[in-house]
């Protein structure tokens, strides 16, 4: 797929939003959409929509806009959603179990192979149909079942050690839910999800709402 040079992180962060809105439009039976209409849904300008999509080749026609199903397919391919991704979940606590049980992930092609934990009461007790093994078993499991992604759902105090262990086992892509930014080699992709960040953004806007309304 043709890409017009370097794609900024800002554009990449918007791609899942495009995909989500296009999926909703397709489900609603919408066949085509203009950059104006898509921009209104996403709170972006039509120019921004066109610039973002043109980073990957365009896919639209002047005077027609975009065919919803085609644009959804292309953005899905750009996001790597045209194939299944296997994963393991390290940590069988509340966050790990919530991720394991969330059906949308599997519908989107993210298939969990196993979970790992150090709690004797959790080891051997499946979460849904996902087996839970001890952390000691992880290296041998990964020798035979190397996933595309590791989901890290551990407390801060043990997260770095677990990440280092994952790297040593050959994992190169991590979705990190530990409440800290972890140190990792350059050839390892780590996306941090700090759950409190968005909540604190909300409380900021709540705290300053009256100031903004009085302007």
Protein backbone atom coordinates (compact mmCIF):
# COMPACT_ATOMS: atom_id res chain seq x y z
CA UNK A 1 0.00 0.00 0.00
CA UNK A 2 1.40 3.37 -1.03
CA UNK A 3 2.25 5.76 1.77
CA UNK A 4 3.16 9.40 1.18
CA UNK A 5 6.38 9.43 3.18
CA UNK A 6 6.48 9.52 6.96
CA UNK A 7 3.12 9.17 8.73
CA UNK A 8 2.87 11.19 11.94
CA UNK A 9 1.92 9.66 15.27
CA UNK A 10 -1.12 11.96 15.34
CA UNK A 11 -2.46 10.43 12.12
CA UNK A 12 -1.78 6.92 13.39
CA UNK A 13 -3.68 7.67 16.61
CA UNK A 14 -6.70 8.78 14.57
CA UNK A 15 -6.84 5.67 12.38
CA UNK A 16 -8.69 3.47 14.91
CA UNK A 17 -11.31 6.21 15.19
CA UNK A 18 -11.80 6.20 11.42
CA UNK A 19 -12.14 2.44 11.46
CA UNK A 20 -14.64 2.47 14.33
CA UNK A 21 -16.86 5.13 12.72
CA UNK A 22 -16.74 3.46 9.32
CA UNK A 23 -17.69 0.12 10.88
CA UNK A 24 -20.68 1.78 12.56
CA UNK A 25 -21.68 3.43 9.28
CA UNK A 26 -21.39 0.16 7.39
CA UNK A 27 -23.52 -1.61 10.02
CA UNK A 28 -26.13 1.13 9.63
CA UNK A 29 -26.29 0.54 5.88
CA UNK A 30 -24.51 3.75 4.83
CA UNK A 31 -22.77 3.18 1.49
CA UNK A 32 -20.92 6.44 0.89
CA UNK A 33 -19.78 9.42 2.94
CA UNK A 34 -18.12 12.75 2.25
CA UNK A 35 -15.14 14.15 4.12
CA UNK A 36 -17.52 16.80 5.49
CA UNK A 37 -19.87 14.18 6.96
CA UNK A 38 -17.07 12.02 8.31
CA UNK A 39 -15.42 15.08 9.81
CA UNK A 40 -18.63 16.04 11.61
CA UNK A 41 -18.81 12.59 13.18
CA UNK A 42 -15.19 12.71 14.29
CA UNK A 43 -15.00 16.42 15.17
CA UNK A 44 -12.33 16.99 12.51
CA UNK A 45 -12.27 19.35 9.54
CA UNK A 46 -12.88 17.95 6.05
CA UNK A 47 -9.36 19.08 5.15
CA UNK A 48 -7.90 17.06 8.03
CA UNK A 49 -9.86 13.99 6.95
CA UNK A 50 -8.54 14.26 3.39
CA UNK A 51 -4.96 14.88 4.54
CA UNK A 52 -5.03 11.86 6.84
CA UNK A 53 -6.46 9.52 4.24
CA UNK A 54 -4.16 10.84 1.49
CA UNK A 55 -1.19 9.70 3.58
CA UNK A 56 -2.12 6.20 2.44
CA UNK A 57 -3.21 6.81 -1.13
CA UNK A 58 -6.54 8.63 -1.00
CA UNK A 59 -9.28 6.03 -1.74
CA UNK A 60 -11.89 8.73 -2.51
CA UNK A 61 -13.26 10.40 -5.64
CA UNK A 62 -13.84 14.13 -6.01
CA UNK A 63 -17.55 14.87 -6.01
CA UNK A 64 -18.40 11.43 -4.64
CA UNK A 65 -16.54 11.11 -1.37
CA UNK A 66 -15.68 7.71 0.00
CA UNK A 67 -17.28 4.32 -0.38
CA UNK A 68 -17.73 3.28 3.25
CA UNK A 69 -17.02 -0.43 2.83
CA UNK A 70 -13.90 0.17 0.72
CA UNK A 71 -12.46 2.82 3.04
CA UNK A 72 -13.13 0.62 6.08
CA UNK A 73 -11.36 -2.28 4.36
CA UNK A 74 -8.34 -0.15 3.42
CA UNK A 75 -7.98 1.35 6.89
CA UNK A 76 -8.36 -2.11 8.39
CA UNK A 77 -5.48 -3.28 6.21
CA UNK A 78 -3.39 -0.26 7.24
CA UNK A 79 -4.04 -1.14 10.89
CA UNK A 80 -3.08 -4.77 10.26
CA UNK A 81 -6.61 -6.01 10.93
CA UNK A 82 -6.76 -8.11 7.79
CA UNK A 83 -5.24 -11.04 9.67
CA UNK A 84 -5.57 -12.69 13.06
CA UNK A 85 -3.22 -11.71 15.89
CA UNK A 86 -2.47 -14.14 18.68
CA UNK A 87 -1.68 -12.93 22.18
CA UNK A 88 -0.86 -13.97 25.72
CA UNK A 89 -2.01 -12.11 28.82
CA UNK A 90 0.53 -11.78 31.62
CA UNK A 91 -1.41 -11.19 34.81
CA UNK A 92 -4.74 -12.83 35.70
CA UNK A 93 -5.96 -10.06 38.01
CA UNK A 94 -8.92 -7.77 37.41
CA UNK A 95 -7.50 -6.05 34.32
CA UNK A 96 -6.12 -9.21 32.76
CA UNK A 97 -9.39 -11.08 33.26
CA UNK A 98 -11.42 -8.16 31.92
CA UNK A 99 -9.32 -8.15 28.74
CA UNK A 100 -9.61 -11.93 28.42
CA UNK A 101 -13.41 -11.79 28.75
CA UNK A 102 -14.01 -8.81 26.46
CA UNK A 103 -15.64 -10.35 23.37
CA UNK A 104 -14.89 -7.49 20.97
CA UNK A 105 -11.17 -8.27 20.96
CA UNK A 106 -11.76 -11.76 19.62
CA UNK A 107 -14.30 -10.51 17.10
CA UNK A 108 -11.64 -8.08 15.85
CA UNK A 109 -9.19 -10.94 15.36
CA UNK A 110 -7.17 -10.85 18.58
CA UNK A 111 -7.02 -14.43 19.84
CA UNK A 112 -5.68 -15.11 23.36
CA UNK A 113 -3.64 -18.29 23.67
CA UNK A 114 -2.99 -18.33 27.42
CA UNK A 115 -2.71 -16.31 30.61
CA UNK A 116 0.11 -16.37 33.15
CA UNK A 117 0.16 -15.53 36.85
CA UNK A 118 2.02 -16.32 40.08
CA UNK A 119 -1.07 -16.72 42.27
CA UNK A 120 -1.53 -20.44 43.11
CA UNK A 121 -5.29 -19.90 43.39
CA UNK A 122 -5.47 -18.65 39.79
CA UNK A 123 -3.09 -21.12 38.15
CA UNK A 124 -4.97 -23.96 36.50
CA UNK A 125 -8.34 -22.18 36.66
CA UNK A 126 -9.33 -21.13 33.12
CA UNK A 127 -10.72 -17.67 32.43
CA UNK A 128 -13.51 -18.55 30.06
CA UNK A 129 -11.77 -20.96 27.70
CA UNK A 130 -8.31 -19.44 28.22
CA UNK A 131 -5.91 -21.58 30.28
CA UNK A 132 -3.96 -19.96 33.13
CA UNK A 133 -0.39 -21.13 33.69
CA UNK A 134 2.30 -20.20 36.17
CA UNK A 135 4.89 -17.60 35.21
CA UNK A 136 7.55 -20.32 35.45
CA UNK A 137 5.86 -22.15 32.57
CA UNK A 138 5.89 -19.13 30.26
CA UNK A 139 9.34 -19.62 28.62
CA UNK A 140 8.57 -23.21 27.61
CA UNK A 141 5.09 -22.24 26.42
CA UNK A 142 6.52 -19.48 24.23
CA UNK A 143 9.02 -21.82 22.64
CA UNK A 144 6.12 -23.71 21.07
CA UNK A 145 3.43 -21.02 20.92
CA UNK A 146 5.01 -17.67 20.09
CA UNK A 147 2.21 -15.05 19.99
CA UNK A 148 2.19 -11.80 18.07
CA UNK A 149 1.44 -9.72 21.17
CA UNK A 150 1.87 -9.92 24.93
CA UNK A 151 -0.61 -8.05 27.11
CA UNK A 152 1.05 -6.95 30.35
CA UNK A 153 -1.45 -6.51 33.18
CA UNK A 154 0.72 -6.53 36.28
CA UNK A 155 1.45 -4.21 39.21
CA UNK A 156 4.20 -1.64 38.79
CA UNK A 157 6.63 -3.45 41.10
CA UNK A 158 6.88 -6.55 38.89
CA UNK A 159 6.13 -5.13 35.44
CA UNK A 160 9.70 -4.32 34.37
CA UNK A 161 10.98 -7.77 35.31
CA UNK A 162 8.13 -9.37 33.38
CA UNK A 163 8.81 -7.20 30.33
CA UNK A 164 12.49 -8.17 30.39
CA UNK A 165 11.49 -11.82 30.58
CA UNK A 166 9.12 -11.44 27.63
CA UNK A 167 11.87 -9.85 25.56
CA UNK A 168 14.28 -12.65 26.43
CA UNK A 169 11.65 -15.14 25.27
CA UNK A 170 11.32 -13.43 21.89
CA UNK A 171 8.27 -11.19 22.37
CA UNK A 172 8.59 -7.94 20.41
CA UNK A 173 5.15 -6.31 20.81
CA UNK A 174 3.59 -5.47 24.18
CA UNK A 175 0.33 -3.82 25.22
CA UNK A 176 1.22 -2.51 28.66
CA UNK A 177 -1.45 -1.88 31.31
CA UNK A 178 1.01 -1.59 34.19
CA UNK A 179 0.76 1.92 35.68
CA UNK A 180 4.27 2.90 34.62
CA UNK A 181 6.34 3.49 31.48
CA UNK A 182 8.76 0.62 31.08
CA UNK A 183 12.31 0.58 29.73
CA UNK A 184 12.61 -1.57 26.64
CA UNK A 185 15.00 -2.21 23.72
CA UNK A 186 14.54 -0.29 20.48
CA UNK A 187 13.38 -3.39 18.61
CA UNK A 188 10.48 -3.95 21.02
CA UNK A 189 7.18 -2.14 20.42
CA UNK A 190 5.43 -1.11 23.63
CA UNK A 191 2.12 0.74 23.77
CA UNK A 192 1.26 2.01 27.25
CA UNK A 193 -2.34 2.23 28.42
CA UNK A 194 -2.51 4.31 31.59
CA UNK A 195 -6.13 4.01 32.65
CA UNK A 196 -6.03 7.01 34.97
CA UNK A 197 -4.83 9.41 32.25
CA UNK A 198 -8.19 9.74 30.51
CA UNK A 199 -9.98 9.95 33.87
CA UNK A 200 -7.67 12.78 34.95
CA UNK A 201 -8.32 14.52 31.63
CA UNK A 202 -12.02 14.34 32.45
CA UNK A 203 -11.53 15.74 35.95
CA UNK A 204 -9.44 18.59 34.48
CA UNK A 205 -12.29 19.60 32.19
CA UNK A 206 -14.76 19.25 35.06
CA UNK A 207 -12.61 21.48 37.27
CA UNK A 208 -12.24 24.16 34.59
CA UNK A 209 -15.67 23.88 32.96
CA UNK A 210 -17.01 27.03 34.61
CA UNK A 211 -13.92 29.00 33.55
CA UNK A 212 -14.33 27.88 29.93
CA UNK A 213 -18.06 28.65 29.90
CA UNK A 214 -17.51 32.15 31.27
CA UNK A 215 -15.19 33.20 28.44
